[in-house]
Amino acid sequence: MNIGAFSVSLNVKDVVASKEFYEKLGFAAFAGDADQGWLILRNQGTVIGLFQGMFEKNSLTFNPGWDQNAQPLENFTDIRELQKQLKASGVELTTEADETTSGPASFALVDPDGNPVLFDQHV
């Protein structure tokens, strides 16, 4: 099962202050819009998302169809197929993608320790 690019999505109080902090750790913004309250930062192969007022908790995020540079992959497992596989294995989802659609979609689940896990396909 190929679940796509991985990042940690952080619920931050001030996206600009958080950006400045993570820049000191060697991260650089490569996507997003601070005026909209979100930025994606990268330090080599490590990716973090900063989200102000969008999530209640920090979350693990997987992006089917993207590589670690947020570039589309030619071949990937569609999010709807991932959703079907997870449901078939007994994983309970908290939100679901509409399986009658194609293209961008998302679904979410919570791991046994209460950590949110988001699958978010942009292609």
PDB file of N, CA and C in Angstrom:
ATOM      1  N   MET A   1       0.859  -1.173   0.000  1.00  0.00           N
ATOM      2  CA  MET A   1       0.000   0.000   0.000  1.00  0.00           C
ATOM      3  C   MET A   1       0.904   1.234   0.000  1.00  0.00           C
ATOM      4  N   ASN A   2       0.835   2.035  -1.031  1.00  0.00           N
ATOM      5  CA  ASN A   2       1.604   3.276  -1.116  1.00  0.00           C
ATOM      6  C   ASN A   2       0.698   4.426  -0.692  1.00  0.00           C
ATOM      7  N   ILE A   3       1.004   5.037   0.444  1.00  0.00           N
ATOM      8  CA  ILE A   3       0.114   6.067   0.990  1.00  0.00           C
ATOM      9  C   ILE A   3       0.582   7.489   0.698  1.00  0.00           C
ATOM     10  N   GLY A   4       1.663   7.645  -0.057  1.00  0.00           N
ATOM     11  CA  GLY A   4       2.075   8.969  -0.519  1.00  0.00           C
ATOM     12  C   GLY A   4       3.042   9.687   0.393  1.00  0.00           C
ATOM     13  N   ALA A   5       3.241  10.954   0.082  1.00  0.00           N
ATOM     14  CA  ALA A   5       4.168  11.800   0.829  1.00  0.00           C
ATOM     15  C   ALA A   5       3.702  11.940   2.276  1.00  0.00           C
ATOM     16  N   PHE A   6       4.649  12.080   3.185  1.00  0.00           N
ATOM     17  CA  PHE A   6       4.342  12.192   4.603  1.00  0.00           C
ATOM     18  C   PHE A   6       4.750  13.563   5.134  1.00  0.00           C
ATOM     19  N   SER A   7       3.919  14.113   5.995  1.00  0.00           N
ATOM     20  CA  SER A   7       4.267  15.324   6.729  1.00  0.00           C
ATOM     21  C   SER A   7       3.528  15.321   8.057  1.00  0.00           C
ATOM     22  N   VAL A   8       3.973  16.179   8.933  1.00  0.00           N
ATOM     23  CA  VAL A   8       3.272  16.411  10.191  1.00  0.00           C
ATOM     24  C   VAL A   8       2.585  17.763  10.059  1.00  0.00           C
ATOM     25  N   SER A   9       1.290  17.792  10.312  1.00  0.00           N
ATOM     26  CA  SER A   9       0.517  19.034  10.266  1.00  0.00           C
ATOM     27  C   SER A   9       0.368  19.546  11.690  1.00  0.00           C
ATOM     28  N   LEU A  10       0.901  20.727  11.939  1.00  0.00           N
ATOM     29  CA  LEU A  10       0.901  21.293  13.279  1.00  0.00           C
ATOM     30  C   LEU A  10      -0.167  22.364  13.429  1.00  0.00           C
ATOM     31  N   ASN A  11      -0.936  22.266  14.491  1.00  0.00           N
ATOM     32  CA  ASN A  11      -1.897  23.295  14.860  1.00  0.00           C
ATOM     33  C   ASN A  11      -1.109  24.378  15.588  1.00  0.00           C
ATOM     34  N   VAL A  12      -0.963  25.548  14.960  1.00  0.00           N
ATOM     35  CA  VAL A  12      -0.137  26.609  15.552  1.00  0.00           C
ATOM     36  C   VAL A  12      -0.995  27.807  15.948  1.00  0.00           C
ATOM     37  N   LYS A  13      -0.526  28.559  16.932  1.00  0.00           N
ATOM     38  CA  LYS A  13      -1.229  29.756  17.389  1.00  0.00           C
ATOM     39  C   LYS A  13      -0.961  30.946  16.481  1.00  0.00           C
ATOM     40  N   ASP A  14       0.266  31.026  15.926  1.00  0.00           N
ATOM     41  CA  ASP A  14       0.664  32.154  15.080  1.00  0.00           C
ATOM     42  C   ASP A  14       1.557  31.602  13.979  1.00  0.00           C
ATOM     43  N   VAL A  15       1.030  31.522  12.773  1.00  0.00           N
ATOM     44  CA  VAL A  15       1.752  30.887  11.671  1.00  0.00           C
ATOM     45  C   VAL A  15       3.065  31.603  11.356  1.00  0.00           C
ATOM     46  N   VAL A  16       3.099  32.915  11.482  1.00  0.00           N
ATOM     47  CA  VAL A  16       4.325  33.666  11.190  1.00  0.00           C
ATOM     48  C   VAL A  16       5.384  33.390  12.261  1.00  0.00           C
ATOM     49  N   ALA A  17       4.986  33.411  13.520  1.00  0.00           N
ATOM     50  CA  ALA A  17       5.935  33.116  14.599  1.00  0.00           C
ATOM     51  C   ALA A  17       6.461  31.687  14.475  1.00  0.00           C
ATOM     52  N   SER A  18       5.593  30.755  14.134  1.00  0.00           N
ATOM     53  CA  SER A  18       6.022  29.363  13.961  1.00  0.00           C
ATOM     54  C   SER A  18       6.959  29.221  12.775  1.00  0.00           C
ATOM     55  N   LYS A  19       6.663  29.914  11.680  1.00  0.00           N
ATOM     56  CA  LYS A  19       7.540  29.891  10.499  1.00  0.00           C
ATOM     57  C   LYS A  19       8.937  30.381  10.883  1.00  0.00           C
ATOM     58  N   GLU A  20       8.995  31.495  11.605  1.00  0.00           N
ATOM     59  CA  GLU A  20      10.285  32.058  12.011  1.00  0.00           C
ATOM     60  C   GLU A  20      11.056  31.086  12.902  1.00  0.00           C
ATOM     61  N   PHE A  21      10.355  30.400  13.791  1.00  0.00           N
ATOM     62  CA  PHE A  21      10.993  29.416  14.658  1.00  0.00           C
ATOM     63  C   PHE A  21      11.570  28.270  13.839  1.00  0.00           C
ATOM     64  N   TYR A  22      10.772  27.689  12.958  1.00  0.00           N
ATOM     65  CA  TYR A  22      11.229  26.535  12.188  1.00  0.00           C
ATOM     66  C   TYR A  22      12.293  26.909  11.158  1.00  0.00           C
ATOM     67  N   GLU A  23      12.309  28.156  10.710  1.00  0.00           N
ATOM     68  CA  GLU A  23      13.397  28.604   9.836  1.00  0.00           C
ATOM     69  C   GLU A  23      14.736  28.535  10.572  1.00  0.00           C
ATOM     70  N   LYS A  24      14.724  28.805  11.875  1.00  0.00           N
ATOM     71  CA  LYS A  24      15.946  28.702  12.676  1.00  0.00           C
ATOM     72  C   LYS A  24      16.448  27.261  12.767  1.00  0.00           C
ATOM     73  N   LEU A  25      15.543  26.295  12.542  1.00  0.00           N
ATOM     74  CA  LEU A  25      15.908  24.880  12.548  1.00  0.00           C
ATOM     75  C   LEU A  25      16.273  24.392  11.145  1.00  0.00           C
ATOM     76  N   GLY A  26      16.323  25.311  10.189  1.00  0.00           N
ATOM     77  CA  GLY A  26      16.729  24.953   8.834  1.00  0.00           C
ATOM     78  C   GLY A  26      15.598  24.688   7.862  1.00  0.00           C
ATOM     79  N   PHE A  27      14.360  24.913   8.272  1.00  0.00           N
ATOM     80  CA  PHE A  27      13.220  24.725   7.367  1.00  0.00           C
ATOM     81  C   PHE A  27      13.026  25.968   6.512  1.00  0.00           C
ATOM     82  N   ALA A  28      12.465  25.769   5.324  1.00  0.00           N
ATOM     83  CA  ALA A  28      12.118  26.883   4.437  1.00  0.00           C
ATOM     84  C   ALA A  28      10.725  26.633   3.875  1.00  0.00           C
ATOM     85  N   ALA A  29       9.928  27.684   3.803  1.00  0.00           N
ATOM     86  CA  ALA A  29       8.576  27.573   3.245  1.00  0.00           C
ATOM     87  C   ALA A  29       8.673  27.322   1.740  1.00  0.00           C
ATOM     88  N   PHE A  30       7.848  26.384   1.243  1.00  0.00           N
ATOM     89  CA  PHE A  30       7.818  26.146  -0.194  1.00  0.00           C
ATOM     90  C   PHE A  30       6.403  26.091  -0.748  1.00  0.00           C
ATOM     91  N   ALA A  31       5.413  26.200   0.119  1.00  0.00           N
ATOM     92  CA  ALA A  31       4.019  26.226  -0.347  1.00  0.00           C
ATOM     93  C   ALA A  31       3.177  26.875   0.742  1.00  0.00           C
ATOM     94  N   GLY A  32       1.976  27.314   0.342  1.00  0.00           N
ATOM     95  CA  GLY A  32       1.045  27.874   1.306  1.00  0.00           C
ATOM     96  C   GLY A  32       0.954  29.382   1.232  1.00  0.00           C
ATOM     97  N   ASP A  33       0.199  29.928   2.170  1.00  0.00           N
ATOM     98  CA  ASP A  33      -0.053  31.363   2.210  1.00  0.00           C
ATOM     99  C   ASP A  33      -0.251  31.770   3.666  1.00  0.00           C
ATOM    100  N   ALA A  34       0.720  32.473   4.228  1.00  0.00           N
ATOM    101  CA  ALA A  34       0.637  32.889   5.628  1.00  0.00           C
ATOM    102  C   ALA A  34      -0.597  33.751   5.885  1.00  0.00           C
ATOM    103  N   ASP A  35      -1.012  34.553   4.888  1.00  0.00           N
ATOM    104  CA  ASP A  35      -2.203  35.387   5.062  1.00  0.00           C
ATOM    105  C   ASP A  35      -3.467  34.548   5.197  1.00  0.00           C
ATOM    106  N   GLN A  36      -3.446  33.335   4.661  1.00  0.00           N
ATOM    107  CA  GLN A  36      -4.571  32.416   4.802  1.00  0.00           C
ATOM    108  C   GLN A  36      -4.404  31.501   6.008  1.00  0.00           C
ATOM    109  N   GLY A  37      -3.268  31.609   6.707  1.00  0.00           N
ATOM    110  CA  GLY A  37      -3.057  30.850   7.929  1.00  0.00           C
ATOM    111  C   GLY A  37      -2.415  29.491   7.752  1.00  0.00           C
ATOM    112  N   TRP A  38      -1.741  29.263   6.611  1.00  0.00           N
ATOM    113  CA  TRP A  38      -1.088  27.966   6.445  1.00  0.00           C
ATOM    114  C   TRP A  38       0.163  28.073   5.590  1.00  0.00           C
ATOM    115  N   LEU A  39       1.163  27.279   5.959  1.00  0.00           N
ATOM    116  CA  LEU A  39       2.417  27.195   5.220  1.00  0.00           C
ATOM    117  C   LEU A  39       2.922  25.762   5.273  1.00  0.00           C
ATOM    118  N   ILE A  40       3.610  25.341   4.225  1.00  0.00           N
ATOM    119  CA  ILE A  40       4.278  24.052   4.194  1.00  0.00           C
ATOM    120  C   ILE A  40       5.780  24.334   4.140  1.00  0.00           C
ATOM    121  N   LEU A  41       6.518  23.738   5.062  1.00  0.00           N
ATOM    122  CA  LEU A  41       7.959  23.954   5.162  1.00  0.00           C
ATOM    123  C   LEU A  41       8.699  22.639   4.953  1.00  0.00           C
ATOM    124  N   ARG A  42       9.930  22.773   4.447  1.00  0.00           N
ATOM    125  CA  ARG A  42      10.733  21.580   4.188  1.00  0.00           C
ATOM    126  C   ARG A  42      12.169  21.833   4.647  1.00  0.00           C
ATOM    127  N   ASN A  43      12.754  20.787   5.201  1.00  0.00           N
ATOM    128  CA  ASN A  43      14.182  20.741   5.501  1.00  0.00           C
ATOM    129  C   ASN A  43      14.652  19.408   4.934  1.00  0.00           C
ATOM    130  N   GLN A  44      15.257  19.453   3.760  1.00  0.00           N
ATOM    131  CA  GLN A  44      15.635  18.269   3.005  1.00  0.00           C
ATOM    132  C   GLN A  44      14.398  17.399   2.804  1.00  0.00           C
ATOM    133  N   GLY A  45      14.385  16.167   3.306  1.00  0.00           N
ATOM    134  CA  GLY A  45      13.237  15.284   3.096  1.00  0.00           C
ATOM    135  C   GLY A  45      12.152  15.391   4.144  1.00  0.00           C
ATOM    136  N   THR A  46      12.334  16.267   5.124  1.00  0.00           N
ATOM    137  CA  THR A  46      11.351  16.414   6.197  1.00  0.00           C
ATOM    138  C   THR A  46      10.383  17.548   5.867  1.00  0.00           C
ATOM    139  N   VAL A  47       9.091  17.256   5.957  1.00  0.00           N
ATOM    140  CA  VAL A  47       8.066  18.238   5.621  1.00  0.00           C
ATOM    141  C   VAL A  47       7.133  18.420   6.812  1.00  0.00           C
ATOM    142  N   ILE A  48       6.859  19.689   7.141  1.00  0.00           N
ATOM    143  CA  ILE A  48       5.872  20.012   8.171  1.00  0.00           C
ATOM    144  C   ILE A  48       4.908  21.051   7.607  1.00  0.00           C
ATOM    145  N   GLY A  49       3.681  20.965   8.048  1.00  0.00           N
ATOM    146  CA  GLY A  49       2.683  21.966   7.699  1.00  0.00           C
ATOM    147  C   GLY A  49       2.324  22.761   8.937  1.00  0.00           C
ATOM    148  N   LEU A  50       2.211  24.066   8.779  1.00  0.00           N
ATOM    149  CA  LEU A  50       1.791  24.945   9.867  1.00  0.00           C
ATOM    150  C   LEU A  50       0.392  25.445   9.548  1.00  0.00           C
ATOM    151  N   PHE A  51      -0.555  25.189  10.434  1.00  0.00           N
ATOM    152  CA  PHE A  51      -1.954  25.532  10.181  1.00  0.00           C
ATOM    153  C   PHE A  51      -2.512  26.284  11.375  1.00  0.00           C
ATOM    154  N   GLN A  52      -2.853  27.533  11.163  1.00  0.00           N
ATOM    155  CA  GLN A  52      -3.377  28.381  12.231  1.00  0.00           C
ATOM    156  C   GLN A  52      -4.900  28.345  12.183  1.00  0.00           C
ATOM    157  N   GLY A  53      -5.505  27.795  13.245  1.00  0.00           N
ATOM    158  CA  GLY A  53      -6.954  27.788  13.366  1.00  0.00           C
ATOM    159  C   GLY A  53      -7.679  26.833  12.445  1.00  0.00           C
ATOM    160  N   MET A  54      -6.993  25.859  11.871  1.00  0.00           N
ATOM    161  CA  MET A  54      -7.641  24.932  10.938  1.00  0.00           C
ATOM    162  C   MET A  54      -7.867  23.548  11.527  1.00  0.00           C
ATOM    163  N   PHE A  55      -7.038  23.148  12.490  1.00  0.00           N
ATOM    164  CA  PHE A  55      -7.141  21.832  13.110  1.00  0.00           C
ATOM    165  C   PHE A  55      -7.162  22.006  14.615  1.00  0.00           C
ATOM    166  N   GLU A  56      -7.824  21.069  15.304  1.00  0.00           N
ATOM    167  CA  GLU A  56      -7.815  21.102  16.761  1.00  0.00           C
ATOM    168  C   GLU A  56      -6.532  20.515  17.330  1.00  0.00           C
ATOM    169  N   LYS A  57      -5.976  19.508  16.631  1.00  0.00           N
ATOM    170  CA  LYS A  57      -4.808  18.799  17.125  1.00  0.00           C
ATOM    171  C   LYS A  57      -3.773  18.676  16.018  1.00  0.00           C
ATOM    172  N   ASN A  58      -2.539  18.420  16.406  1.00  0.00           N
ATOM    173  CA  ASN A  58      -1.518  18.068  15.435  1.00  0.00           C
ATOM    174  C   ASN A  58      -1.939  16.767  14.763  1.00  0.00           C
ATOM    175  N   SER A  59      -1.507  16.566  13.533  1.00  0.00           N
ATOM    176  CA  SER A  59      -1.972  15.413  12.771  1.00  0.00           C
ATOM    177  C   SER A  59      -0.861  14.865  11.890  1.00  0.00           C
ATOM    178  N   LEU A  60      -0.854  13.555  11.716  1.00  0.00           N
ATOM    179  CA  LEU A  60      -0.018  12.932  10.697  1.00  0.00           C
ATOM    180  C   LEU A  60      -0.762  13.085   9.377  1.00  0.00           C
ATOM    181  N   THR A  61      -0.053  13.435   8.310  1.00  0.00           N
ATOM    182  CA  THR A  61      -0.701  13.656   7.020  1.00  0.00           C
ATOM    183  C   THR A  61       0.010  12.865   5.934  1.00  0.00           C
ATOM    184  N   PHE A  62      -0.779  12.198   5.105  1.00  0.00           N
ATOM    185  CA  PHE A  62      -0.267  11.471   3.947  1.00  0.00           C
ATOM    186  C   PHE A  62      -0.942  12.036   2.706  1.00  0.00           C
ATOM    187  N   ASN A  63      -0.163  12.249   1.650  1.00  0.00           N
ATOM    188  CA  ASN A  63      -0.675  12.826   0.412  1.00  0.00           C
ATOM    189  C   ASN A  63      -0.472  11.863  -0.754  1.00  0.00           C
ATOM    190  N   PRO A  64      -1.458  10.986  -0.999  1.00  0.00           N
ATOM    191  CA  PRO A  64      -1.363  10.107  -2.164  1.00  0.00           C
ATOM    192  C   PRO A  64      -1.231  10.954  -3.438  1.00  0.00           C
ATOM    193  N   GLY A  65      -0.366  10.517  -4.332  1.00  0.00           N
ATOM    194  CA  GLY A  65      -0.192  11.231  -5.597  1.00  0.00           C
ATOM    195  C   GLY A  65       0.899  12.276  -5.592  1.00  0.00           C
ATOM    196  N   TRP A  66       1.519  12.513  -4.442  1.00  0.00           N
ATOM    197  CA  TRP A  66       2.604  13.488  -4.341  1.00  0.00           C
ATOM    198  C   TRP A  66       3.875  12.813  -3.872  1.00  0.00           C
ATOM    199  N   ASP A  67       5.019  13.356  -4.320  1.00  0.00           N
ATOM    200  CA  ASP A  67       6.296  12.974  -3.725  1.00  0.00           C
ATOM    201  C   ASP A  67       6.594  13.944  -2.582  1.00  0.00           C
ATOM    202  N   GLN A  68       7.733  13.807  -1.913  1.00  0.00           N
ATOM    203  CA  GLN A  68       8.066  14.658  -0.763  1.00  0.00           C
ATOM    204  C   GLN A  68       8.294  16.116  -1.136  1.00  0.00           C
ATOM    205  N   ASN A  69       8.370  16.420  -2.449  1.00  0.00           N
ATOM    206  CA  ASN A  69       8.509  17.802  -2.905  1.00  0.00           C
ATOM    207  C   ASN A  69       7.181  18.379  -3.381  1.00  0.00           C
ATOM    208  N   ALA A  70       6.072  17.704  -3.052  1.00  0.00           N
ATOM    209  CA  ALA A  70       4.720  18.110  -3.456  1.00  0.00           C
ATOM    210  C   ALA A  70       4.577  18.149  -4.974  1.00  0.00           C
ATOM    211  N   GLN A  71       5.306  17.251  -5.637  1.00  0.00           N
ATOM    212  CA  GLN A  71       5.201  17.127  -7.088  1.00  0.00           C
ATOM    213  C   GLN A  71       4.348  15.908  -7.408  1.00  0.00           C
ATOM    214  N   PRO A  72       3.465  16.028  -8.401  1.00  0.00           N
ATOM    215  CA  PRO A  72       2.592  14.901  -8.742  1.00  0.00           C
ATOM    216  C   PRO A  72       3.381  13.679  -9.213  1.00  0.00           C
ATOM    217  N   LEU A  73       2.918  12.514  -8.786  1.00  0.00           N
ATOM    218  CA  LEU A  73       3.488  11.248  -9.225  1.00  0.00           C
ATOM    219  C   LEU A  73       2.714  10.741 -10.432  1.00  0.00           C
ATOM    220  N   GLU A  74       3.415  10.115 -11.351  1.00  0.00           N
ATOM    221  CA  GLU A  74       2.751   9.562 -12.531  1.00  0.00           C
ATOM    222  C   GLU A  74       1.860   8.379 -12.152  1.00  0.00           C
ATOM    223  N   ASN A  75       2.365   7.519 -11.279  1.00  0.00           N
ATOM    224  CA  ASN A  75       1.614   6.347 -10.830  1.00  0.00           C
ATOM    225  C   ASN A  75       1.477   6.389  -9.314  1.00  0.00           C
ATOM    226  N   PHE A  76       0.257   6.203  -8.837  1.00  0.00           N
ATOM    227  CA  PHE A  76       0.011   6.177  -7.396  1.00  0.00           C
ATOM    228  C   PHE A  76      -1.322   5.483  -7.133  1.00  0.00           C
ATOM    229  N   THR A  77      -1.521   5.094  -5.887  1.00  0.00           N
ATOM    230  CA  THR A  77      -2.790   4.490  -5.487  1.00  0.00           C
ATOM    231  C   THR A  77      -3.761   5.597  -5.125  1.00  0.00           C
ATOM    232  N   ASP A  78      -4.882   5.646  -5.825  1.00  0.00           N
ATOM    233  CA  ASP A  78      -5.890   6.680  -5.585  1.00  0.00           C
ATOM    234  C   ASP A  78      -6.430   6.580  -4.157  1.00  0.00           C
ATOM    235  N   ILE A  79      -6.771   7.715  -3.616  1.00  0.00           N
ATOM    236  CA  ILE A  79      -7.249   7.795  -2.229  1.00  0.00           C
ATOM    237  C   ILE A  79      -8.485   6.930  -1.986  1.00  0.00           C
ATOM    238  N   ARG A  80      -9.327   6.791  -2.990  1.00  0.00           N
ATOM    239  CA  ARG A  80     -10.535   5.980  -2.832  1.00  0.00           C
ATOM    240  C   ARG A  80     -10.183   4.502  -2.690  1.00  0.00           C
ATOM    241  N   GLU A  81      -9.147   4.070  -3.402  1.00  0.00           N
ATOM    242  CA  GLU A  81      -8.684   2.685  -3.280  1.00  0.00           C
ATOM    243  C   GLU A  81      -8.057   2.465  -1.914  1.00  0.00           C
ATOM    244  N   LEU A  82      -7.255   3.430  -1.446  1.00  0.00           N
ATOM    245  CA  LEU A  82      -6.687   3.331  -0.099  1.00  0.00           C
ATOM    246  C   LEU A  82      -7.798   3.229   0.941  1.00  0.00           C
ATOM    247  N   GLN A  83      -8.816   4.045   0.784  1.00  0.00           N
ATOM    248  CA  GLN A  83      -9.941   4.038   1.713  1.00  0.00           C
ATOM    249  C   GLN A  83     -10.612   2.673   1.730  1.00  0.00           C
ATOM    250  N   LYS A  84     -10.852   2.091   0.565  1.00  0.00           N
ATOM    251  CA  LYS A  84     -11.478   0.764   0.481  1.00  0.00           C
ATOM    252  C   LYS A  84     -10.621  -0.283   1.174  1.00  0.00           C
ATOM    253  N   GLN A  85      -9.300  -0.236   0.946  1.00  0.00           N
ATOM    254  CA  GLN A  85      -8.401  -1.211   1.556  1.00  0.00           C
ATOM    255  C   GLN A  85      -8.406  -1.091   3.075  1.00  0.00           C
ATOM    256  N   LEU A  86      -8.364   0.125   3.571  1.00  0.00           N
ATOM    257  CA  LEU A  86      -8.356   0.324   5.016  1.00  0.00           C
ATOM    258  C   LEU A  86      -9.675  -0.124   5.648  1.00  0.00           C
ATOM    259  N   LYS A  87     -10.786   0.229   5.026  1.00  0.00           N
ATOM    260  CA  LYS A  87     -12.087  -0.192   5.551  1.00  0.00           C
ATOM    261  C   LYS A  87     -12.205  -1.713   5.546  1.00  0.00           C
ATOM    262  N   ALA A  88     -11.716  -2.343   4.479  1.00  0.00           N
ATOM    263  CA  ALA A  88     -11.773  -3.803   4.375  1.00  0.00           C
ATOM    264  C   ALA A  88     -10.930  -4.475   5.464  1.00  0.00           C
ATOM    265  N   SER A  89      -9.878  -3.794   5.931  1.00  0.00           N
ATOM    266  CA  SER A  89      -9.047  -4.365   6.992  1.00  0.00           C
ATOM    267  C   SER A  89      -9.558  -4.016   8.390  1.00  0.00           C
ATOM    268  N   GLY A  90     -10.708  -3.343   8.466  1.00  0.00           N
ATOM    269  CA  GLY A  90     -11.330  -3.059   9.754  1.00  0.00           C
ATOM    270  C   GLY A  90     -10.995  -1.716  10.362  1.00  0.00           C
ATOM    271  N   VAL A  91     -10.302  -0.850   9.617  1.00  0.00           N
ATOM    272  CA  VAL A  91      -9.983   0.475  10.137  1.00  0.00           C
ATOM    273  C   VAL A  91     -11.229   1.355  10.074  1.00  0.00           C
ATOM    274  N   GLU A  92     -11.558   1.993  11.187  1.00  0.00           N
ATOM    275  CA  GLU A  92     -12.705   2.902  11.229  1.00  0.00           C
ATOM    276  C   GLU A  92     -12.262   4.298  10.815  1.00  0.00           C
ATOM    277  N   LEU A  93     -13.012   4.914   9.910  1.00  0.00           N
ATOM    278  CA  LEU A  93     -12.704   6.252   9.431  1.00  0.00           C
ATOM    279  C   LEU A  93     -13.598   7.268  10.127  1.00  0.00           C
ATOM    280  N   THR A  94     -13.058   8.462  10.372  1.00  0.00           N
ATOM    281  CA  THR A  94     -13.859   9.529  10.981  1.00  0.00           C
ATOM    282  C   THR A  94     -14.508  10.403   9.913  1.00  0.00           C
ATOM    283  N   THR A  95     -13.872  10.491   8.743  1.00  0.00           N
ATOM    284  CA  THR A  95     -14.480  11.117   7.569  1.00  0.00           C
ATOM    285  C   THR A  95     -14.109  10.250   6.375  1.00  0.00           C
ATOM    286  N   GLU A  96     -14.905  10.331   5.313  1.00  0.00           N
ATOM    287  CA  GLU A  96     -14.659   9.493   4.143  1.00  0.00           C
ATOM    288  C   GLU A  96     -14.680  10.315   2.868  1.00  0.00           C
ATOM    289  N   ALA A  97     -13.893   9.850   1.887  1.00  0.00           N
ATOM    290  CA  ALA A  97     -13.926  10.420   0.542  1.00  0.00           C
ATOM    291  C   ALA A  97     -15.123   9.826  -0.190  1.00  0.00           C
ATOM    292  N   ASP A  98     -15.728  10.603  -1.060  1.00  0.00           N
ATOM    293  CA  ASP A  98     -16.832  10.124  -1.889  1.00  0.00           C
ATOM    294  C   ASP A  98     -16.255   9.200  -2.951  1.00  0.00           C
ATOM    295  N   GLU A  99     -16.571   7.936  -2.871  1.00  0.00           N
ATOM    296  CA  GLU A  99     -15.997   6.946  -3.776  1.00  0.00           C
ATOM    297  C   GLU A  99     -16.560   7.012  -5.189  1.00  0.00           C
ATOM    298  N   THR A 100     -17.548   7.865  -5.430  1.00  0.00           N
ATOM    299  CA  THR A 100     -18.094   8.010  -6.784  1.00  0.00           C
ATOM    300  C   THR A 100     -17.408   9.122  -7.562  1.00  0.00           C
ATOM    301  N   THR A 101     -16.441   9.800  -6.932  1.00  0.00           N
ATOM    302  CA  THR A 101     -15.748  10.918  -7.572  1.00  0.00           C
ATOM    303  C   THR A 101     -14.341  10.512  -7.986  1.00  0.00           C
ATOM    304  N   SER A 102     -13.642  11.441  -8.606  1.00  0.00           N
ATOM    305  CA  SER A 102     -12.227  11.248  -8.929  1.00  0.00           C
ATOM    306  C   SER A 102     -11.505  12.544  -8.621  1.00  0.00           C
ATOM    307  N   GLY A 103     -10.167  12.488  -8.606  1.00  0.00           N
ATOM    308  CA  GLY A 103      -9.381  13.684  -8.334  1.00  0.00           C
ATOM    309  C   GLY A 103      -9.217  13.942  -6.855  1.00  0.00           C
ATOM    310  N   PRO A 104      -9.038  15.218  -6.476  1.00  0.00           N
ATOM    311  CA  PRO A 104      -8.781  15.563  -5.080  1.00  0.00           C
ATOM    312  C   PRO A 104      -9.883  15.085  -4.134  1.00  0.00           C
ATOM    313  N   ALA A 105      -9.451  14.568  -2.988  1.00  0.00           N
ATOM    314  CA  ALA A 105     -10.382  14.095  -1.958  1.00  0.00           C
ATOM    315  C   ALA A 105      -9.579  13.815  -0.697  1.00  0.00           C
ATOM    316  N   SER A 106     -10.289  13.575   0.392  1.00  0.00           N
ATOM    317  CA  SER A 106      -9.603  13.253   1.641  1.00  0.00           C
ATOM    318  C   SER A 106     -10.458  12.353   2.509  1.00  0.00           C
ATOM    319  N   PHE A 107      -9.801  11.681   3.432  1.00  0.00           N
ATOM    320  CA  PHE A 107     -10.479  10.964   4.503  1.00  0.00           C
ATOM    321  C   PHE A 107      -9.579  11.015   5.728  1.00  0.00           C
ATOM    322  N   ALA A 108     -10.149  10.713   6.878  1.00  0.00           N
ATOM    323  CA  ALA A 108      -9.389  10.797   8.120  1.00  0.00           C
ATOM    324  C   ALA A 108      -9.736   9.634   9.028  1.00  0.00           C
ATOM    325  N   LEU A 109      -8.834   9.389   9.964  1.00  0.00           N
ATOM    326  CA  LEU A 109      -9.029   8.369  10.977  1.00  0.00           C
ATOM    327  C   LEU A 109      -8.276   8.796  12.220  1.00  0.00           C
ATOM    328  N   VAL A 110      -8.457   8.046  13.278  1.00  0.00           N
ATOM    329  CA  VAL A 110      -7.756   8.322  14.528  1.00  0.00           C
ATOM    330  C   VAL A 110      -7.050   7.037  14.939  1.00  0.00           C
ATOM    331  N   ASP A 111      -5.764   7.138  15.291  1.00  0.00           N
ATOM    332  CA  ASP A 111      -5.028   5.940  15.684  1.00  0.00           C
ATOM    333  C   ASP A 111      -5.432   5.529  17.108  1.00  0.00           C
ATOM    334  N   PRO A 112      -4.983   4.368  17.575  1.00  0.00           N
ATOM    335  CA  PRO A 112      -5.404   3.881  18.894  1.00  0.00           C
ATOM    336  C   PRO A 112      -5.080   4.810  20.060  1.00  0.00           C
ATOM    337  N   ASP A 113      -4.125   5.738  19.865  1.00  0.00           N
ATOM    338  CA  ASP A 113      -3.765   6.672  20.931  1.00  0.00           C
ATOM    339  C   ASP A 113      -4.448   8.021  20.800  1.00  0.00           C
ATOM    340  N   GLY A 114      -5.386   8.134  19.855  1.00  0.00           N
ATOM    341  CA  GLY A 114      -6.133   9.374  19.685  1.00  0.00           C
ATOM    342  C   GLY A 114      -5.491  10.382  18.752  1.00  0.00           C
ATOM    343  N   ASN A 115      -4.439   9.983  18.033  1.00  0.00           N
ATOM    344  CA  ASN A 115      -3.777  10.892  17.103  1.00  0.00           C
ATOM    345  C   ASN A 115      -4.513  10.927  15.771  1.00  0.00           C
ATOM    346  N   PRO A 116      -4.870  12.109  15.293  1.00  0.00           N
ATOM    347  CA  PRO A 116      -5.527  12.207  13.992  1.00  0.00           C
ATOM    348  C   PRO A 116      -4.556  11.851  12.863  1.00  0.00           C
ATOM    349  N   VAL A 117      -5.087  11.161  11.849  1.00  0.00           N
ATOM    350  CA  VAL A 117      -4.323  10.816  10.660  1.00  0.00           C
ATOM    351  C   VAL A 117      -5.168  11.236   9.458  1.00  0.00           C
ATOM    352  N   LEU A 118      -4.612  12.114   8.638  1.00  0.00           N
ATOM    353  CA  LEU A 118      -5.311  12.644   7.472  1.00  0.00           C
ATOM    354  C   LEU A 118      -4.688  12.107   6.202  1.00  0.00           C
ATOM    355  N   PHE A 119      -5.523  11.619   5.296  1.00  0.00           N
ATOM    356  CA  PHE A 119      -5.109  11.246   3.946  1.00  0.00           C
ATOM    357  C   PHE A 119      -5.725  12.294   3.040  1.00  0.00           C
ATOM    358  N   ASP A 120      -4.887  13.062   2.347  1.00  0.00           N
ATOM    359  CA  ASP A 120      -5.336  14.234   1.606  1.00  0.00           C
ATOM    360  C   ASP A 120      -4.710  14.237   0.213  1.00  0.00           C
ATOM    361  N   GLN A 121      -5.502  13.854  -0.781  1.00  0.00           N
ATOM    362  CA  GLN A 121      -5.026  13.784  -2.163  1.00  0.00           C
ATOM    363  C   GLN A 121      -5.358  15.076  -2.892  1.00  0.00           C
ATOM    364  N   HIS A 122      -4.353  15.683  -3.522  1.00  0.00           N
ATOM    365  CA  HIS A 122      -4.532  16.964  -4.204  1.00  0.00           C
ATOM    366  C   HIS A 122      -4.564  16.840  -5.724  1.00  0.00           C
ATOM    367  N   VAL A 123      -4.338  15.645  -6.251  1.00  0.00           N
ATOM    368  CA  VAL A 123      -4.292  15.452  -7.711  1.00  0.00           C
ATOM    369  C   VAL A 123      -5.435  14.575  -8.164  1.00  0.00           C
TER     370      VAL A 123
END
